[in-house]
Amino acid sequence: MSNNKIADNLKKLRAKKGLSLEKIARLADLSLNTIVKVENGVNTNPTIETLTKIAKALEVGVDHLIK
C-alpha cells in the first residue's frame, strides 16, 4: 500500500469536503500532528485504527483512502 496514495487521497477528500487539518483531527479524535504526518506522507505506516478514524471523519470508507 502506497502511503503517498493515502496522503494524496486524504488531501483530495479533505479539500472536497472543505475541512481543515484541525477539523479532521477533532472529528477523528486524533492529534493534529498525526493528521499532518499522514497527509504529508511522513507517517509511513498509519495503523488501521488511524485510517478508520480518518475515514469516519471524512464520512467515507477506508477503501477511499487506500485505493
PDB file of N, CA and C in Angstrom:
ATOM      1  N   MET A   1       0.854  -1.169   0.000  1.00  0.00           N
ATOM      2  CA  MET A   1       0.000   0.000   0.000  1.00  0.00           C
ATOM      3  C   MET A   1       0.902   1.235   0.000  1.00  0.00           C
ATOM      4  N   SER A   2       0.664   2.117  -0.932  1.00  0.00           N
ATOM      5  CA  SER A   2       1.476   3.323  -1.038  1.00  0.00           C
ATOM      6  C   SER A   2       0.982   4.395  -0.084  1.00  0.00           C
ATOM      7  N   ASN A   3       1.857   4.836   0.800  1.00  0.00           N
ATOM      8  CA  ASN A   3       1.476   5.891   1.725  1.00  0.00           C
ATOM      9  C   ASN A   3       1.314   7.218   1.007  1.00  0.00           C
ATOM     10  N   ASN A   4       2.001   7.380  -0.118  1.00  0.00           N
ATOM     11  CA  ASN A   4       1.779   8.582  -0.901  1.00  0.00           C
ATOM     12  C   ASN A   4       0.358   8.589  -1.445  1.00  0.00           C
ATOM     13  N   LYS A   5      -0.163   7.434  -1.785  1.00  0.00           N
ATOM     14  CA  LYS A   5      -1.543   7.322  -2.254  1.00  0.00           C
ATOM     15  C   LYS A   5      -2.496   7.716  -1.131  1.00  0.00           C
ATOM     16  N   ILE A   6      -2.224   7.248   0.067  1.00  0.00           N
ATOM     17  CA  ILE A   6      -3.052   7.616   1.217  1.00  0.00           C
ATOM     18  C   ILE A   6      -2.991   9.125   1.415  1.00  0.00           C
ATOM     19  N   ALA A   7      -1.789   9.684   1.365  1.00  0.00           N
ATOM     20  CA  ALA A   7      -1.617  11.131   1.541  1.00  0.00           C
ATOM     21  C   ALA A   7      -2.379  11.894   0.467  1.00  0.00           C
ATOM     22  N   ASP A   8      -2.234  11.472  -0.785  1.00  0.00           N
ATOM     23  CA  ASP A   8      -2.937  12.140  -1.889  1.00  0.00           C
ATOM     24  C   ASP A   8      -4.445  12.056  -1.715  1.00  0.00           C
ATOM     25  N   ASN A   9      -4.928  10.874  -1.363  1.00  0.00           N
ATOM     26  CA  ASN A   9      -6.372  10.702  -1.186  1.00  0.00           C
ATOM     27  C   ASN A   9      -6.895  11.522  -0.015  1.00  0.00           C
ATOM     28  N   LEU A  10      -6.141  11.569   1.066  1.00  0.00           N
ATOM     29  CA  LEU A  10      -6.553  12.366   2.220  1.00  0.00           C
ATOM     30  C   LEU A  10      -6.648  13.836   1.833  1.00  0.00           C
ATOM     31  N   LYS A  11      -5.645  14.341   1.127  1.00  0.00           N
ATOM     32  CA  LYS A  11      -5.661  15.740   0.690  1.00  0.00           C
ATOM     33  C   LYS A  11      -6.876  16.025  -0.181  1.00  0.00           C
ATOM     34  N   LYS A  12      -7.121  15.149  -1.156  1.00  0.00           N
ATOM     35  CA  LYS A  12      -8.244  15.354  -2.085  1.00  0.00           C
ATOM     36  C   LYS A  12      -9.586  15.297  -1.367  1.00  0.00           C
ATOM     37  N   LEU A  13      -9.761  14.294  -0.525  1.00  0.00           N
ATOM     38  CA  LEU A  13     -11.033  14.150   0.190  1.00  0.00           C
ATOM     39  C   LEU A  13     -11.262  15.297   1.165  1.00  0.00           C
ATOM     40  N   ARG A  14     -10.207  15.711   1.828  1.00  0.00           N
ATOM     41  CA  ARG A  14     -10.325  16.813   2.784  1.00  0.00           C
ATOM     42  C   ARG A  14     -10.695  18.105   2.063  1.00  0.00           C
ATOM     43  N   ALA A  15     -10.053  18.352   0.926  1.00  0.00           N
ATOM     44  CA  ALA A  15     -10.352  19.555   0.140  1.00  0.00           C
ATOM     45  C   ALA A  15     -11.785  19.508  -0.392  1.00  0.00           C
ATOM     46  N   LYS A  16     -12.190  18.335  -0.873  1.00  0.00           N
ATOM     47  CA  LYS A  16     -13.546  18.167  -1.408  1.00  0.00           C
ATOM     48  C   LYS A  16     -14.597  18.466  -0.342  1.00  0.00           C
ATOM     49  N   LYS A  17     -14.312  18.068   0.883  1.00  0.00           N
ATOM     50  CA  LYS A  17     -15.250  18.291   1.995  1.00  0.00           C
ATOM     51  C   LYS A  17     -15.094  19.687   2.603  1.00  0.00           C
ATOM     52  N   GLY A  18     -14.040  20.401   2.211  1.00  0.00           N
ATOM     53  CA  GLY A  18     -13.806  21.741   2.743  1.00  0.00           C
ATOM     54  C   GLY A  18     -13.414  21.756   4.211  1.00  0.00           C
ATOM     55  N   LEU A  19     -12.676  20.733   4.625  1.00  0.00           N
ATOM     56  CA  LEU A  19     -12.293  20.606   6.032  1.00  0.00           C
ATOM     57  C   LEU A  19     -10.819  20.938   6.233  1.00  0.00           C
ATOM     58  N   SER A  20     -10.528  21.613   7.317  1.00  0.00           N
ATOM     59  CA  SER A  20      -9.142  21.924   7.674  1.00  0.00           C
ATOM     60  C   SER A  20      -8.499  20.705   8.331  1.00  0.00           C
ATOM     61  N   LEU A  21      -7.194  20.742   8.417  1.00  0.00           N
ATOM     62  CA  LEU A  21      -6.477  19.685   9.132  1.00  0.00           C
ATOM     63  C   LEU A  21      -6.942  19.616  10.581  1.00  0.00           C
ATOM     64  N   GLU A  22      -7.131  20.781  11.177  1.00  0.00           N
ATOM     65  CA  GLU A  22      -7.569  20.846  12.574  1.00  0.00           C
ATOM     66  C   GLU A  22      -8.946  20.210  12.750  1.00  0.00           C
ATOM     67  N   LYS A  23      -9.845  20.478  11.816  1.00  0.00           N
ATOM     68  CA  LYS A  23     -11.207  19.935  11.899  1.00  0.00           C
ATOM     69  C   LYS A  23     -11.184  18.411  11.759  1.00  0.00           C
ATOM     70  N   ILE A  24     -10.406  17.909  10.819  1.00  0.00           N
ATOM     71  CA  ILE A  24     -10.284  16.453  10.654  1.00  0.00           C
ATOM     72  C   ILE A  24      -9.722  15.832  11.926  1.00  0.00           C
ATOM     73  N   ALA A  25      -8.717  16.456  12.502  1.00  0.00           N
ATOM     74  CA  ALA A  25      -8.123  15.939  13.741  1.00  0.00           C
ATOM     75  C   ALA A  25      -9.176  15.853  14.841  1.00  0.00           C
ATOM     76  N   ARG A  26      -9.984  16.897  14.979  1.00  0.00           N
ATOM     77  CA  ARG A  26     -11.037  16.888  16.012  1.00  0.00           C
ATOM     78  C   ARG A  26     -12.082  15.810  15.722  1.00  0.00           C
ATOM     79  N   LEU A  27     -12.543  15.756  14.478  1.00  0.00           N
ATOM     80  CA  LEU A  27     -13.571  14.774  14.116  1.00  0.00           C
ATOM     81  C   LEU A  27     -13.076  13.337  14.277  1.00  0.00           C
ATOM     82  N   ALA A  28     -11.801  13.127  13.986  1.00  0.00           N
ATOM     83  CA  ALA A  28     -11.216  11.784  14.061  1.00  0.00           C
ATOM     84  C   ALA A  28     -10.711  11.443  15.462  1.00  0.00           C
ATOM     85  N   ASP A  29     -10.728  12.418  16.356  1.00  0.00           N
ATOM     86  CA  ASP A  29     -10.185  12.239  17.703  1.00  0.00           C
ATOM     87  C   ASP A  29      -8.723  11.780  17.639  1.00  0.00           C
ATOM     88  N   LEU A  30      -7.969  12.469  16.768  1.00  0.00           N
ATOM     89  CA  LEU A  30      -6.540  12.222  16.611  1.00  0.00           C
ATOM     90  C   LEU A  30      -5.809  13.548  16.782  1.00  0.00           C
ATOM     91  N   SER A  31      -4.528  13.481  17.048  1.00  0.00           N
ATOM     92  CA  SER A  31      -3.765  14.722  17.175  1.00  0.00           C
ATOM     93  C   SER A  31      -3.577  15.354  15.798  1.00  0.00           C
ATOM     94  N   LEU A  32      -3.440  16.667  15.802  1.00  0.00           N
ATOM     95  CA  LEU A  32      -3.159  17.385  14.559  1.00  0.00           C
ATOM     96  C   LEU A  32      -1.862  16.864  13.954  1.00  0.00           C
ATOM     97  N   ASN A  33      -0.886  16.593  14.796  1.00  0.00           N
ATOM     98  CA  ASN A  33       0.396  16.067  14.342  1.00  0.00           C
ATOM     99  C   ASN A  33       0.224  14.760  13.559  1.00  0.00           C
ATOM    100  N   THR A  34      -0.642  13.889  14.033  1.00  0.00           N
ATOM    101  CA  THR A  34      -0.889  12.619  13.346  1.00  0.00           C
ATOM    102  C   THR A  34      -1.472  12.862  11.963  1.00  0.00           C
ATOM    103  N   ILE A  35      -2.465  13.735  11.873  1.00  0.00           N
ATOM    104  CA  ILE A  35      -3.106  14.029  10.586  1.00  0.00           C
ATOM    105  C   ILE A  35      -2.096  14.639   9.618  1.00  0.00           C
ATOM    106  N   VAL A  36      -1.307  15.582  10.099  1.00  0.00           N
ATOM    107  CA  VAL A  36      -0.296  16.231   9.258  1.00  0.00           C
ATOM    108  C   VAL A  36       0.705  15.205   8.734  1.00  0.00           C
ATOM    109  N   LYS A  37       1.153  14.314   9.602  1.00  0.00           N
ATOM    110  CA  LYS A  37       2.126  13.298   9.184  1.00  0.00           C
ATOM    111  C   LYS A  37       1.543  12.347   8.144  1.00  0.00           C
ATOM    112  N   VAL A  38       0.292  11.960   8.294  1.00  0.00           N
ATOM    113  CA  VAL A  38      -0.338  11.074   7.310  1.00  0.00           C
ATOM    114  C   VAL A  38      -0.510  11.818   5.988  1.00  0.00           C
ATOM    115  N   GLU A  39      -1.029  13.045   6.049  1.00  0.00           N
ATOM    116  CA  GLU A  39      -1.288  13.796   4.820  1.00  0.00           C
ATOM    117  C   GLU A  39      -0.004  14.156   4.080  1.00  0.00           C
ATOM    118  N   ASN A  40       1.078  14.359   4.803  1.00  0.00           N
ATOM    119  CA  ASN A  40       2.354  14.695   4.164  1.00  0.00           C
ATOM    120  C   ASN A  40       3.187  13.471   3.807  1.00  0.00           C
ATOM    121  N   GLY A  41       2.669  12.274   4.095  1.00  0.00           N
ATOM    122  CA  GLY A  41       3.380  11.050   3.762  1.00  0.00           C
ATOM    123  C   GLY A  41       4.553  10.756   4.679  1.00  0.00           C
ATOM    124  N   VAL A  42       4.630  11.470   5.808  1.00  0.00           N
ATOM    125  CA  VAL A  42       5.715  11.245   6.769  1.00  0.00           C
ATOM    126  C   VAL A  42       5.462   9.969   7.562  1.00  0.00           C
ATOM    127  N   ASN A  43       4.215   9.753   7.940  1.00  0.00           N
ATOM    128  CA  ASN A  43       3.847   8.521   8.642  1.00  0.00           C
ATOM    129  C   ASN A  43       3.766   7.427   7.589  1.00  0.00           C
ATOM    130  N   THR A  44       4.776   6.585   7.556  1.00  0.00           N
ATOM    131  CA  THR A  44       4.865   5.575   6.507  1.00  0.00           C
ATOM    132  C   THR A  44       4.037   4.332   6.785  1.00  0.00           C
ATOM    133  N   ASN A  45       3.448   4.260   7.979  1.00  0.00           N
ATOM    134  CA  ASN A  45       2.674   3.074   8.322  1.00  0.00           C
ATOM    135  C   ASN A  45       1.528   3.422   9.271  1.00  0.00           C
ATOM    136  N   PRO A  46       0.531   4.190   8.786  1.00  0.00           N
ATOM    137  CA  PRO A  46      -0.591   4.504   9.675  1.00  0.00           C
ATOM    138  C   PRO A  46      -1.341   3.229  10.049  1.00  0.00           C
ATOM    139  N   THR A  47      -1.749   3.145  11.289  1.00  0.00           N
ATOM    140  CA  THR A  47      -2.469   1.954  11.744  1.00  0.00           C
ATOM    141  C   THR A  47      -3.860   1.916  11.128  1.00  0.00           C
ATOM    142  N   ILE A  48      -4.456   0.751  11.126  1.00  0.00           N
ATOM    143  CA  ILE A  48      -5.821   0.614  10.626  1.00  0.00           C
ATOM    144  C   ILE A  48      -6.766   1.437  11.497  1.00  0.00           C
ATOM    145  N   GLU A  49      -6.455   1.543  12.780  1.00  0.00           N
ATOM    146  CA  GLU A  49      -7.278   2.363  13.676  1.00  0.00           C
ATOM    147  C   GLU A  49      -7.234   3.831  13.250  1.00  0.00           C
ATOM    148  N   THR A  50      -6.041   4.320  12.936  1.00  0.00           N
ATOM    149  CA  THR A  50      -5.895   5.704  12.478  1.00  0.00           C
ATOM    150  C   THR A  50      -6.635   5.912  11.166  1.00  0.00           C
ATOM    151  N   LEU A  51      -6.454   4.993  10.221  1.00  0.00           N
ATOM    152  CA  LEU A  51      -7.132   5.110   8.929  1.00  0.00           C
ATOM    153  C   LEU A  51      -8.648   5.060   9.094  1.00  0.00           C
ATOM    154  N   THR A  52      -9.121   4.204   9.981  1.00  0.00           N
ATOM    155  CA  THR A  52     -10.562   4.091  10.231  1.00  0.00           C
ATOM    156  C   THR A  52     -11.113   5.384  10.812  1.00  0.00           C
ATOM    157  N   LYS A  53     -10.404   5.974  11.746  1.00  0.00           N
ATOM    158  CA  LYS A  53     -10.854   7.232  12.355  1.00  0.00           C
ATOM    159  C   LYS A  53     -10.882   8.365  11.328  1.00  0.00           C
ATOM    160  N   ILE A  54      -9.856   8.428  10.480  1.00  0.00           N
ATOM    161  CA  ILE A  54      -9.813   9.467   9.445  1.00  0.00           C
ATOM    162  C   ILE A  54     -10.954   9.261   8.452  1.00  0.00           C
ATOM    163  N   ALA A  55     -11.150   8.018   8.031  1.00  0.00           N
ATOM    164  CA  ALA A  55     -12.227   7.719   7.085  1.00  0.00           C
ATOM    165  C   ALA A  55     -13.587   8.094   7.667  1.00  0.00           C
ATOM    166  N   LYS A  56     -13.802   7.767   8.918  1.00  0.00           N
ATOM    167  CA  LYS A  56     -15.070   8.101   9.571  1.00  0.00           C
ATOM    168  C   LYS A  56     -15.263   9.616   9.621  1.00  0.00           C
ATOM    169  N   ALA A  57     -14.204  10.346   9.933  1.00  0.00           N
ATOM    170  CA  ALA A  57     -14.279  11.812   9.981  1.00  0.00           C
ATOM    171  C   ALA A  57     -14.627  12.391   8.612  1.00  0.00           C
ATOM    172  N   LEU A  58     -14.148  11.734   7.558  1.00  0.00           N
ATOM    173  CA  LEU A  58     -14.419  12.185   6.191  1.00  0.00           C
ATOM    174  C   LEU A  58     -15.719  11.616   5.633  1.00  0.00           C
ATOM    175  N   GLU A  59     -16.345  10.736   6.410  1.00  0.00           N
ATOM    176  CA  GLU A  59     -17.591  10.070   6.010  1.00  0.00           C
ATOM    177  C   GLU A  59     -17.408   9.252   4.734  1.00  0.00           C
ATOM    178  N   VAL A  60     -16.298   8.511   4.695  1.00  0.00           N
ATOM    179  CA  VAL A  60     -16.014   7.600   3.589  1.00  0.00           C
ATOM    180  C   VAL A  60     -15.509   6.281   4.169  1.00  0.00           C
ATOM    181  N   GLY A  61     -15.433   5.272   3.345  1.00  0.00           N
ATOM    182  CA  GLY A  61     -14.849   4.008   3.762  1.00  0.00           C
ATOM    183  C   GLY A  61     -13.330   4.080   3.708  1.00  0.00           C
ATOM    184  N   VAL A  62     -12.680   3.219   4.450  1.00  0.00           N
ATOM    185  CA  VAL A  62     -11.214   3.175   4.451  1.00  0.00           C
ATOM    186  C   VAL A  62     -10.698   2.948   3.031  1.00  0.00           C
ATOM    187  N   ASP A  63     -11.450   2.195   2.233  1.00  0.00           N
ATOM    188  CA  ASP A  63     -11.021   1.920   0.860  1.00  0.00           C
ATOM    189  C   ASP A  63     -10.815   3.197   0.050  1.00  0.00           C
ATOM    190  N   HIS A  64     -11.553   4.262   0.369  1.00  0.00           N
ATOM    191  CA  HIS A  64     -11.376   5.535  -0.334  1.00  0.00           C
ATOM    192  C   HIS A  64     -10.029   6.183  -0.006  1.00  0.00           C
ATOM    193  N   LEU A  65      -9.461   5.830   1.123  1.00  0.00           N
ATOM    194  CA  LEU A  65      -8.150   6.367   1.490  1.00  0.00           C
ATOM    195  C   LEU A  65      -7.014   5.561   0.883  1.00  0.00           C
ATOM    196  N   ILE A  66      -7.211   4.265   0.737  1.00  0.00           N
ATOM    197  CA  ILE A  66      -6.091   3.412   0.340  1.00  0.00           C
ATOM    198  C   ILE A  66      -6.091   3.004  -1.126  1.00  0.00           C
ATOM    199  N   LYS A  67      -7.175   3.231  -1.835  1.00  0.00           N
ATOM    200  CA  LYS A  67      -7.187   2.787  -3.246  1.00  0.00           C
ATOM    201  C   LYS A  67      -6.637   3.819  -4.194  1.00  0.00           C
TER     202      LYS A  67
END
